[in-house]
Amino acid sequence: MQPLRRLARDAAKSLVVGTLFIYPIAIYLAEDYLTPTQLTAGLMFLVAARVLFAAWIKPEHHRRDLVIAAALGVAAFLVLFLLPAVKIEWLRLYPAVFTLAILATFSVSLFHGMPMVERIARVLHPDLPPQGVIHCRRVTVAWCLLLTVNLIISLYTAFATSLRIWSLYNGIIVYLLFALMLGGEYLLRLRLQRKWEQA
């Protein structure tokens, strides 16, 4: 029963997170069927659902996550019934805001505590060598640069391009860029690990 419950949690979580990631494509496809107000409320409901799943999966923050989810749900209803004049341009800013939040997290980690990439690496490699620590800091800086470039392009597509181009970049191209970054860093790390082991 426990494995089945865990599987259900993971599937539901993946579904919500996946929906949030394909948000630009969903906006493009739903433009002729839903109003910007309905799309805004729908996005807030999705984020609320994501927070609820976090409360389900991590009970230590149960109360906090429930409060956040409830606040998002109420805000979604308020938007739906009190803000009929939401503009589609506002919705285009979501990828930029999302990128800004991640950029802030990675940037702050360079100056306070452990760089974000090192935190992730130590999950699999608790005994990370000194060369690995330096590498992780450099990769964190590289991610900050990539996220900054993505933020600029995302803002540009939000204000200066068509909805189709905005959806294409923020819904497809940006994930290909991130995949290339992840793949390239992984291959580089494998090569460097061999050098670290030989040193």
Protein backbone atom coordinates (compact mmCIF):
# COMPACT_ATOMS: atom_id res chain seq x y z
CA MET A 1 0.00 0.00 0.00
CA GLN A 2 2.84 2.36 0.86
CA PRO A 3 4.62 1.99 -2.54
CA LEU A 4 1.30 2.55 -4.32
CA ARG A 5 0.66 5.70 -2.33
CA ARG A 6 4.16 6.96 -3.08
CA LEU A 7 3.64 6.25 -6.77
CA ALA A 8 0.36 8.20 -6.73
CA ARG A 9 2.08 11.13 -5.03
CA ASP A 10 4.91 11.18 -7.56
CA ALA A 11 2.53 10.91 -10.52
CA ALA A 12 0.30 13.73 -9.26
CA LYS A 13 3.29 15.92 -8.46
CA SER A 14 4.82 15.31 -11.90
CA LEU A 15 1.51 16.14 -13.59
CA VAL A 16 1.19 19.50 -11.81
CA VAL A 17 4.85 20.43 -12.28
CA GLY A 18 4.70 19.39 -15.93
CA THR A 19 1.64 21.55 -16.49
CA LEU A 20 3.44 24.54 -14.97
CA PHE A 21 6.45 23.98 -17.22
CA ILE A 22 4.38 23.81 -20.42
CA TYR A 23 2.52 26.94 -19.33
CA PRO A 24 3.62 29.03 -22.37
CA ILE A 25 2.35 26.39 -24.79
CA ALA A 26 -0.90 26.11 -22.82
CA ILE A 27 -1.38 29.88 -23.02
CA TYR A 28 -0.90 29.77 -26.78
CA LEU A 29 -3.31 26.88 -27.30
CA ALA A 30 -5.94 28.23 -24.89
CA GLU A 31 -5.97 31.80 -26.20
CA ASP A 32 -9.06 31.21 -28.37
CA TYR A 33 -10.95 29.34 -25.64
CA LEU A 34 -10.19 31.06 -22.33
CA THR A 35 -9.98 34.70 -21.33
CA PRO A 36 -6.75 36.10 -19.80
CA THR A 37 -8.60 36.32 -16.48
CA GLN A 38 -9.49 32.62 -16.59
CA LEU A 39 -5.93 31.73 -17.56
CA THR A 40 -4.54 33.76 -14.65
CA ALA A 41 -6.89 32.09 -12.19
CA GLY A 42 -6.04 28.69 -13.65
CA LEU A 43 -2.32 29.32 -13.19
CA MET A 44 -2.88 30.30 -9.55
CA PHE A 45 -4.93 27.15 -8.97
CA LEU A 46 -2.09 25.06 -10.45
CA VAL A 47 0.47 26.69 -8.17
CA ALA A 48 -1.87 26.12 -5.22
CA ALA A 49 -2.16 22.45 -6.20
CA ARG A 50 1.64 22.22 -6.37
CA VAL A 51 1.91 23.66 -2.85
CA LEU A 52 -0.73 21.22 -1.58
CA PHE A 53 1.26 18.30 -2.96
CA ALA A 54 4.33 19.70 -1.22
CA ALA A 55 2.35 19.68 2.04
CA TRP A 56 1.33 16.08 1.34
CA ILE A 57 4.87 14.94 0.57
CA LYS A 58 6.73 16.96 3.24
CA PRO A 59 4.65 17.05 6.45
CA GLU A 60 7.26 19.17 8.27
CA HIS A 61 5.97 22.27 6.45
CA HIS A 62 2.36 21.11 6.42
CA ARG A 63 0.74 24.13 8.10
CA ARG A 64 2.75 26.71 6.16
CA ASP A 65 2.00 25.08 2.80
CA LEU A 66 -1.71 24.79 3.60
CA VAL A 67 -1.86 28.52 4.39
CA ILE A 68 -0.05 29.38 1.14
CA ALA A 69 -2.29 27.09 -0.91
CA ALA A 70 -5.42 28.55 0.69
CA ALA A 71 -4.21 32.10 0.01
CA LEU A 72 -3.51 31.23 -3.64
CA GLY A 73 -6.95 29.63 -4.00
CA VAL A 74 -8.69 32.69 -2.57
CA ALA A 75 -6.59 34.97 -4.78
CA ALA A 76 -7.56 32.90 -7.83
CA PHE A 77 -11.27 33.32 -7.05
CA LEU A 78 -10.77 37.06 -6.52
CA VAL A 79 -9.02 37.35 -9.88
CA LEU A 80 -11.76 35.33 -11.55
CA PHE A 81 -14.63 37.43 -10.23
CA LEU A 82 -13.11 40.87 -9.55
CA LEU A 83 -10.51 41.33 -12.30
CA PRO A 84 -12.25 40.80 -15.63
CA ALA A 85 -9.79 43.09 -17.45
CA VAL A 86 -6.62 41.03 -17.07
CA LYS A 87 -4.42 41.48 -20.14
CA ILE A 88 -2.64 38.65 -21.92
CA GLU A 89 0.62 40.64 -21.68
CA TRP A 90 0.57 40.18 -17.91
CA LEU A 91 0.53 36.41 -18.33
CA ARG A 92 3.59 36.53 -20.55
CA LEU A 93 5.67 37.71 -17.59
CA TYR A 94 5.33 34.42 -15.68
CA PRO A 95 8.40 32.72 -17.24
CA ALA A 96 10.49 35.83 -16.54
CA VAL A 97 9.33 35.97 -12.91
CA PHE A 98 10.01 32.25 -12.53
CA THR A 99 13.50 32.67 -13.99
CA LEU A 100 14.16 35.66 -11.73
CA ALA A 101 13.26 33.61 -8.65
CA ILE A 102 15.66 30.81 -9.65
CA LEU A 103 18.38 33.31 -10.54
CA ALA A 104 18.03 34.97 -7.15
CA THR A 105 18.31 31.59 -5.39
CA PHE A 106 21.46 30.62 -7.30
CA SER A 107 23.04 34.08 -6.92
CA VAL A 108 22.44 34.32 -3.17
CA SER A 109 23.92 30.84 -2.69
CA LEU A 110 27.25 32.13 -4.05
CA PHE A 111 27.58 34.56 -1.15
CA HIS A 112 25.75 32.82 1.68
CA GLY A 113 26.27 29.19 2.61
CA MET A 114 26.96 26.60 -0.05
CA PRO A 115 26.62 27.24 -3.82
CA MET A 116 23.44 25.70 -5.17
CA VAL A 117 25.17 23.25 -7.52
CA GLU A 118 27.38 22.03 -4.67
CA ARG A 119 24.30 21.36 -2.53
CA ILE A 120 22.83 19.27 -5.32
CA ALA A 121 26.14 17.48 -5.98
CA ARG A 122 26.62 16.56 -2.33
CA VAL A 123 23.37 14.60 -2.36
CA LEU A 124 25.10 12.04 -4.59
CA HIS A 125 28.69 12.76 -3.55
CA PRO A 126 28.88 13.71 0.14
CA ASP A 127 32.69 13.46 0.07
CA LEU A 128 33.14 15.98 -2.74
CA PRO A 129 36.89 16.72 -3.25
CA PRO A 130 38.23 20.30 -3.11
CA GLN A 131 38.47 20.37 -6.93
CA GLY A 132 34.82 19.40 -7.08
CA VAL A 133 33.86 22.24 -4.74
CA ILE A 134 35.62 24.73 -7.02
CA HIS A 135 33.95 23.19 -10.06
CA CYS A 136 30.50 23.41 -8.45
CA ARG A 137 31.01 27.12 -7.71
CA ARG A 138 32.00 27.75 -11.32
CA VAL A 139 28.98 25.83 -12.59
CA THR A 140 26.72 27.85 -10.28
CA VAL A 141 28.17 31.04 -11.78
CA ALA A 142 27.61 29.62 -15.28
CA TRP A 143 23.97 28.88 -14.41
CA CYS A 144 23.57 32.45 -13.13
CA LEU A 145 24.87 33.78 -16.46
CA LEU A 146 22.56 31.48 -18.45
CA LEU A 147 19.57 32.42 -16.31
CA THR A 148 20.37 36.12 -16.75
CA VAL A 149 20.46 35.72 -20.54
CA ASN A 150 17.22 33.75 -20.40
CA LEU A 151 15.60 36.44 -18.26
CA ILE A 152 16.51 39.13 -20.81
CA ILE A 153 15.23 37.08 -23.76
CA SER A 154 12.08 36.11 -21.88
CA LEU A 155 11.31 39.75 -21.14
CA TYR A 156 11.99 40.67 -24.75
CA THR A 157 9.65 37.98 -26.09
CA ALA A 158 7.00 39.08 -23.57
CA PHE A 159 6.96 42.70 -24.72
CA ALA A 160 8.28 42.78 -28.28
CA THR A 161 7.24 39.57 -30.08
CA SER A 162 4.11 37.72 -31.06
CA LEU A 163 2.41 35.21 -28.78
CA ARG A 164 3.60 32.43 -31.07
CA ILE A 165 7.29 33.39 -30.76
CA TRP A 166 6.91 33.91 -27.01
CA SER A 167 5.39 30.44 -26.65
CA LEU A 168 8.04 28.86 -28.87
CA TYR A 169 10.93 30.29 -26.88
CA ASN A 170 9.56 30.02 -23.34
CA GLY A 171 7.82 26.69 -23.90
CA ILE A 172 10.38 24.80 -25.99
CA ILE A 173 13.67 26.53 -26.83
CA VAL A 174 14.55 27.49 -23.26
CA TYR A 175 14.23 23.87 -22.08
CA LEU A 176 16.47 22.72 -24.92
CA LEU A 177 19.07 25.27 -23.79
CA PHE A 178 18.82 24.05 -20.20
CA ALA A 179 19.12 20.43 -21.37
CA LEU A 180 22.26 21.29 -23.35
CA MET A 181 23.69 23.01 -20.28
CA LEU A 182 22.94 20.02 -18.05
CA GLY A 183 24.29 17.53 -20.59
CA GLY A 184 27.44 19.55 -21.27
CA GLU A 185 28.17 20.01 -17.57
CA TYR A 186 27.63 16.30 -16.92
CA LEU A 187 30.12 15.28 -19.64
CA LEU A 188 32.62 17.86 -18.40
CA ARG A 189 32.24 16.61 -14.82
CA LEU A 190 32.92 13.01 -15.89
CA ARG A 191 36.10 14.15 -17.60
CA LEU A 192 37.22 16.20 -14.61
CA GLN A 193 36.46 13.38 -12.18
CA ARG A 194 38.96 11.15 -13.95
CA LYS A 195 41.60 13.86 -13.54
CA TRP A 196 40.71 14.33 -9.87
CA GLU A 197 41.04 10.59 -9.25
CA GLN A 198 44.44 10.49 -10.96
CA ALA A 199 45.77 13.48 -9.03
